[in-house]
Amino acid sequence: MFISNAQRWATICERQAEIIENLSKTFPERRENHSDLGICWRRLGDQVSRGQSINTLDSFNK
């Protein structure tokens, strides 16, 4: 499924990943969790950019 505004969604996903990862500056004990969540947001953005089916639960569990 290709989303007509896929590039915009990919940008939003990247920004979300950056925001979450920057939380590690305030909460360094959560750095690993923030990194994992950032990776998940980037994977989702990549999926959207490639026009792949968006299965968020599958994406987050890989």
Protein backbone atom coordinates (compact mmCIF):
# COMPACT_ATOMS: atom_id res chain seq x y z
CA MET A 1 0.00 0.00 0.00
CA PHE A 2 1.56 3.25 -1.08
CA ILE A 3 0.64 6.31 0.96
CA SER A 4 0.30 9.41 -1.18
CA ASN A 5 2.18 11.52 1.36
CA ALA A 6 4.73 8.83 2.18
CA GLN A 7 7.70 11.19 2.20
CA ARG A 8 5.99 13.43 4.74
CA TRP A 9 5.24 10.43 6.96
CA ALA A 10 8.84 9.23 6.65
CA THR A 11 10.01 12.69 7.77
CA ILE A 12 7.63 12.58 10.73
CA CYS A 13 8.94 9.13 11.70
CA GLU A 14 12.55 10.36 11.55
CA ARG A 15 11.71 13.39 13.68
CA GLN A 16 9.92 11.19 16.21
CA ALA A 17 12.99 8.93 16.40
CA GLU A 18 15.22 11.95 17.06
CA ILE A 19 12.91 13.31 19.76
CA ILE A 20 12.78 9.98 21.57
CA GLU A 21 16.53 9.44 21.35
CA ASN A 22 17.16 12.95 22.70
CA LEU A 23 15.24 12.01 25.82
CA SER A 24 18.37 10.11 26.83
CA LYS A 25 19.97 13.45 27.68
CA THR A 26 17.39 13.88 30.43
CA PHE A 27 16.92 10.21 31.28
CA PRO A 28 20.26 8.47 30.60
CA GLU A 29 19.13 5.33 32.41
CA ARG A 30 16.60 4.82 29.58
CA ARG A 31 19.13 5.17 26.75
CA GLU A 32 18.70 1.60 25.52
CA ASN A 33 14.91 1.90 25.48
CA HIS A 34 15.09 5.21 23.64
CA SER A 35 17.46 3.72 21.09
CA ASP A 36 15.15 0.74 20.50
CA LEU A 37 12.15 3.01 20.01
CA GLY A 38 14.14 5.23 17.65
CA ILE A 39 15.05 2.20 15.55
CA CYS A 40 11.39 1.17 15.39
CA TRP A 41 10.32 4.63 14.21
CA ARG A 42 13.01 4.59 11.52
CA ARG A 43 11.93 1.13 10.34
CA LEU A 44 8.38 2.38 10.07
CA GLY A 45 9.57 5.40 8.08
CA ASP A 46 11.54 3.11 5.76
CA GLN A 47 8.47 0.93 5.24
CA VAL A 48 6.36 3.93 4.33
CA SER A 49 9.03 5.29 1.96
CA ARG A 50 9.21 1.99 0.11
CA GLY A 51 5.42 1.71 -0.13
CA GLN A 52 5.37 -1.46 1.90
CA SER A 53 2.41 -2.59 3.92
CA ILE A 54 2.40 -0.90 7.29
CA ASN A 55 2.10 -3.53 9.96
CA THR A 56 3.08 -1.54 13.02
CA LEU A 57 2.91 -4.41 15.47
CA ASP A 58 5.02 -6.62 13.20
CA SER A 59 7.45 -3.75 12.67
CA PHE A 60 7.91 -3.09 16.37
CA ASN A 61 8.35 -6.77 17.25
CA LYS A 62 11.24 -7.43 14.85
